[in-house]
Amino acid sequence: MKARVHITLKNGVLDPQGKAIHNSLEGLGFGGIEDVRQGKFIEIELADDDPEPAKAKVAQMCEKLLANTVIENYSVEIGDS
């Protein structure tokens, strides 16, 4: 079973990488971009068969290691592959 974790900065937290991406896209001629926020994507292959305990386990991983919950939000998706 595969878990997909998306981690993004909370609203109001400065995102210098997102700003740099925004500026670069505008410099390449891509107009109409109001804001860019960047984040992290993590895929975890789990041995679990039941999606609910697997999702809870990955949420604990996020709380303890993968995300800085003071400044970041995370979401967890569980699927077959």
N, C-alpha and C. Protein backbone atom coordinates (compact mmCIF):
# COMPACT_ATOMS: atom_id res chain seq x y z
N MET A 1 0.85 -1.16 0.00
CA MET A 1 0.00 0.00 0.00
C MET A 1 0.90 1.23 0.00
N LYS A 2 0.51 2.22 -0.78
CA LYS A 2 1.32 3.42 -0.92
C LYS A 2 0.65 4.60 -0.21
N ALA A 3 1.46 5.36 0.51
CA ALA A 3 1.00 6.60 1.14
C ALA A 3 1.66 7.77 0.43
N ARG A 4 0.88 8.79 0.17
CA ARG A 4 1.39 10.01 -0.44
C ARG A 4 1.15 11.15 0.54
N VAL A 5 2.21 11.87 0.86
CA VAL A 5 2.13 12.96 1.82
C VAL A 5 2.48 14.27 1.11
N HIS A 6 1.61 15.24 1.21
CA HIS A 6 1.85 16.58 0.67
C HIS A 6 2.04 17.52 1.87
N ILE A 7 3.15 18.23 1.87
CA ILE A 7 3.47 19.14 2.96
C ILE A 7 3.64 20.54 2.38
N THR A 8 2.90 21.50 2.92
CA THR A 8 2.98 22.87 2.44
C THR A 8 3.10 23.82 3.63
N LEU A 9 3.64 24.98 3.36
CA LEU A 9 3.72 26.00 4.40
C LEU A 9 2.33 26.54 4.70
N LYS A 10 2.09 26.83 5.96
CA LYS A 10 0.80 27.43 6.35
C LYS A 10 0.69 28.83 5.76
N ASN A 11 -0.56 29.27 5.57
CA ASN A 11 -0.79 30.63 5.10
C ASN A 11 -0.19 31.61 6.09
N GLY A 12 0.44 32.64 5.58
CA GLY A 12 1.05 33.64 6.44
C GLY A 12 2.53 33.39 6.70
N VAL A 13 3.01 32.19 6.41
CA VAL A 13 4.43 31.88 6.58
C VAL A 13 5.16 32.29 5.30
N LEU A 14 6.21 33.06 5.43
CA LEU A 14 6.96 33.50 4.26
C LEU A 14 7.53 32.31 3.51
N ASP A 15 7.48 32.39 2.18
CA ASP A 15 7.94 31.30 1.31
C ASP A 15 8.94 31.86 0.30
N PRO A 16 10.21 32.02 0.69
CA PRO A 16 11.19 32.60 -0.24
C PRO A 16 11.41 31.76 -1.50
N GLN A 17 11.33 30.43 -1.39
CA GLN A 17 11.48 29.59 -2.58
C GLN A 17 10.31 29.81 -3.53
N GLY A 18 9.11 29.90 -2.99
CA GLY A 18 7.94 30.16 -3.81
C GLY A 18 8.07 31.50 -4.53
N LYS A 19 8.58 32.50 -3.82
CA LYS A 19 8.78 33.83 -4.42
C LYS A 19 9.81 33.77 -5.54
N ALA A 20 10.90 33.01 -5.33
CA ALA A 20 11.93 32.87 -6.36
C ALA A 20 11.36 32.17 -7.60
N ILE A 21 10.55 31.14 -7.39
CA ILE A 21 9.91 30.44 -8.51
C ILE A 21 8.99 31.39 -9.25
N HIS A 22 8.21 32.15 -8.50
CA HIS A 22 7.29 33.14 -9.09
C HIS A 22 8.04 34.12 -9.99
N ASN A 23 9.12 34.67 -9.45
CA ASN A 23 9.92 35.64 -10.22
C ASN A 23 10.52 35.00 -11.46
N SER A 24 11.01 33.77 -11.34
CA SER A 24 11.60 33.08 -12.49
C SER A 24 10.56 32.79 -13.57
N LEU A 25 9.37 32.38 -13.16
CA LEU A 25 8.31 32.13 -14.14
C LEU A 25 7.93 33.40 -14.88
N GLU A 26 7.82 34.50 -14.16
CA GLU A 26 7.53 35.77 -14.81
C GLU A 26 8.65 36.17 -15.76
N GLY A 27 9.90 35.92 -15.33
CA GLY A 27 11.05 36.22 -16.19
C GLY A 27 11.07 35.39 -17.46
N LEU A 28 10.47 34.22 -17.42
CA LEU A 28 10.39 33.36 -18.61
C LEU A 28 9.17 33.68 -19.47
N GLY A 29 8.41 34.69 -19.06
CA GLY A 29 7.29 35.13 -19.87
C GLY A 29 5.94 34.55 -19.48
N PHE A 30 5.87 33.85 -18.38
CA PHE A 30 4.60 33.31 -17.91
C PHE A 30 3.91 34.36 -17.04
N GLY A 31 2.94 35.05 -17.63
CA GLY A 31 2.24 36.11 -16.93
C GLY A 31 0.99 35.59 -16.23
N GLY A 32 0.37 36.46 -15.47
CA GLY A 32 -0.88 36.12 -14.82
C GLY A 32 -0.74 35.24 -13.59
N ILE A 33 0.45 35.13 -13.06
CA ILE A 33 0.66 34.32 -11.86
C ILE A 33 0.59 35.25 -10.66
N GLU A 34 -0.34 34.99 -9.78
CA GLU A 34 -0.51 35.85 -8.61
C GLU A 34 0.39 35.44 -7.45
N ASP A 35 0.58 34.13 -7.25
CA ASP A 35 1.39 33.66 -6.11
C ASP A 35 1.85 32.25 -6.39
N VAL A 36 3.00 31.88 -5.83
CA VAL A 36 3.51 30.51 -5.90
C VAL A 36 3.90 30.09 -4.49
N ARG A 37 3.43 28.94 -4.08
CA ARG A 37 3.82 28.35 -2.80
C ARG A 37 4.41 26.99 -3.13
N GLN A 38 5.56 26.70 -2.60
CA GLN A 38 6.18 25.41 -2.86
C GLN A 38 6.08 24.54 -1.61
N GLY A 39 6.25 23.25 -1.79
CA GLY A 39 6.17 22.32 -0.67
C GLY A 39 6.96 21.05 -0.93
N LYS A 40 6.59 20.01 -0.20
CA LYS A 40 7.27 18.72 -0.33
C LYS A 40 6.24 17.64 -0.64
N PHE A 41 6.68 16.63 -1.36
CA PHE A 41 5.86 15.47 -1.66
C PHE A 41 6.68 14.25 -1.27
N ILE A 42 6.10 13.39 -0.44
CA ILE A 42 6.80 12.19 0.04
C ILE A 42 5.92 10.98 -0.24
N GLU A 43 6.50 9.94 -0.84
CA GLU A 43 5.80 8.67 -1.07
C GLU A 43 6.40 7.62 -0.16
N ILE A 44 5.53 6.88 0.52
CA ILE A 44 5.97 5.85 1.45
C ILE A 44 5.26 4.56 1.08
N GLU A 45 6.03 3.50 0.87
CA GLU A 45 5.45 2.17 0.59
C GLU A 45 5.27 1.46 1.93
N LEU A 46 4.03 1.08 2.23
CA LEU A 46 3.70 0.46 3.51
C LEU A 46 3.33 -1.00 3.33
N ALA A 47 3.61 -1.82 4.34
CA ALA A 47 3.23 -3.23 4.32
C ALA A 47 1.80 -3.43 4.80
N ASP A 48 1.17 -2.39 5.32
CA ASP A 48 -0.19 -2.50 5.87
C ASP A 48 -1.21 -2.87 4.78
N ASP A 49 -2.27 -3.56 5.19
CA ASP A 49 -3.35 -3.93 4.28
C ASP A 49 -4.60 -3.09 4.51
N ASP A 50 -4.75 -2.54 5.70
CA ASP A 50 -5.95 -1.77 6.07
C ASP A 50 -5.64 -0.28 5.95
N PRO A 51 -6.39 0.46 5.11
CA PRO A 51 -6.05 1.85 4.88
C PRO A 51 -6.19 2.78 6.10
N GLU A 52 -7.15 2.53 6.96
CA GLU A 52 -7.34 3.44 8.10
C GLU A 52 -6.17 3.43 9.08
N PRO A 53 -5.71 2.25 9.55
CA PRO A 53 -4.52 2.27 10.42
C PRO A 53 -3.28 2.78 9.70
N ALA A 54 -3.18 2.51 8.40
CA ALA A 54 -2.03 2.99 7.63
C ALA A 54 -2.02 4.52 7.60
N LYS A 55 -3.18 5.12 7.37
CA LYS A 55 -3.27 6.57 7.35
C LYS A 55 -2.93 7.16 8.71
N ALA A 56 -3.38 6.52 9.78
CA ALA A 56 -3.07 6.99 11.13
C ALA A 56 -1.57 6.89 11.40
N LYS A 57 -0.95 5.81 10.93
CA LYS A 57 0.50 5.63 11.12
C LYS A 57 1.28 6.73 10.40
N VAL A 58 0.89 7.03 9.16
CA VAL A 58 1.58 8.06 8.39
C VAL A 58 1.35 9.44 9.02
N ALA A 59 0.16 9.68 9.54
CA ALA A 59 -0.10 10.95 10.23
C ALA A 59 0.83 11.10 11.43
N GLN A 60 1.06 10.01 12.16
CA GLN A 60 2.01 10.06 13.29
C GLN A 60 3.42 10.37 12.79
N MET A 61 3.79 9.78 11.64
CA MET A 61 5.11 10.07 11.05
C MET A 61 5.24 11.55 10.74
N CYS A 62 4.16 12.13 10.22
CA CYS A 62 4.17 13.56 9.90
C CYS A 62 4.31 14.40 11.16
N GLU A 63 3.55 14.05 12.19
CA GLU A 63 3.58 14.80 13.44
C GLU A 63 4.95 14.73 14.12
N LYS A 64 5.61 13.58 14.01
CA LYS A 64 6.87 13.38 14.73
C LYS A 64 8.11 13.75 13.93
N LEU A 65 8.06 13.66 12.57
CA LEU A 65 9.28 13.84 11.80
C LEU A 65 9.10 14.59 10.48
N LEU A 66 8.14 14.19 9.69
CA LEU A 66 8.09 14.65 8.30
C LEU A 66 7.68 16.11 8.14
N ALA A 67 6.83 16.62 9.00
CA ALA A 67 6.35 18.00 8.88
C ALA A 67 6.66 18.77 10.15
N ASN A 68 6.97 20.03 9.98
CA ASN A 68 7.11 20.94 11.10
C ASN A 68 5.73 21.56 11.29
N THR A 69 4.94 21.01 12.18
CA THR A 69 3.53 21.39 12.30
C THR A 69 3.33 22.81 12.83
N VAL A 70 4.38 23.46 13.27
CA VAL A 70 4.27 24.85 13.68
C VAL A 70 4.06 25.73 12.45
N ILE A 71 4.76 25.42 11.36
CA ILE A 71 4.69 26.26 10.16
C ILE A 71 4.18 25.53 8.92
N GLU A 72 3.93 24.21 9.01
CA GLU A 72 3.53 23.44 7.83
C GLU A 72 2.23 22.69 8.08
N ASN A 73 1.45 22.55 7.00
CA ASN A 73 0.29 21.68 6.96
C ASN A 73 0.67 20.43 6.18
N TYR A 74 -0.05 19.35 6.43
CA TYR A 74 0.19 18.14 5.64
C TYR A 74 -1.14 17.46 5.35
N SER A 75 -1.15 16.69 4.26
CA SER A 75 -2.29 15.85 3.95
C SER A 75 -1.76 14.48 3.54
N VAL A 76 -2.53 13.45 3.86
CA VAL A 76 -2.13 12.07 3.61
C VAL A 76 -3.16 11.40 2.71
N GLU A 77 -2.69 10.77 1.65
CA GLU A 77 -3.54 9.96 0.77
C GLU A 77 -3.03 8.53 0.82
N ILE A 78 -3.94 7.58 0.95
CA ILE A 78 -3.56 6.17 0.96
C ILE A 78 -4.16 5.53 -0.29
N GLY A 79 -3.36 4.74 -1.00
CA GLY A 79 -3.84 4.06 -2.19
C GLY A 79 -3.04 2.80 -2.47
N ASP A 80 -3.46 2.08 -3.49
CA ASP A 80 -2.81 0.83 -3.83
C ASP A 80 -1.45 1.06 -4.49
N SER A 81 -1.38 1.99 -5.42
CA SER A 81 -0.08 2.27 -6.07
C SER A 81 -0.10 3.58 -6.78
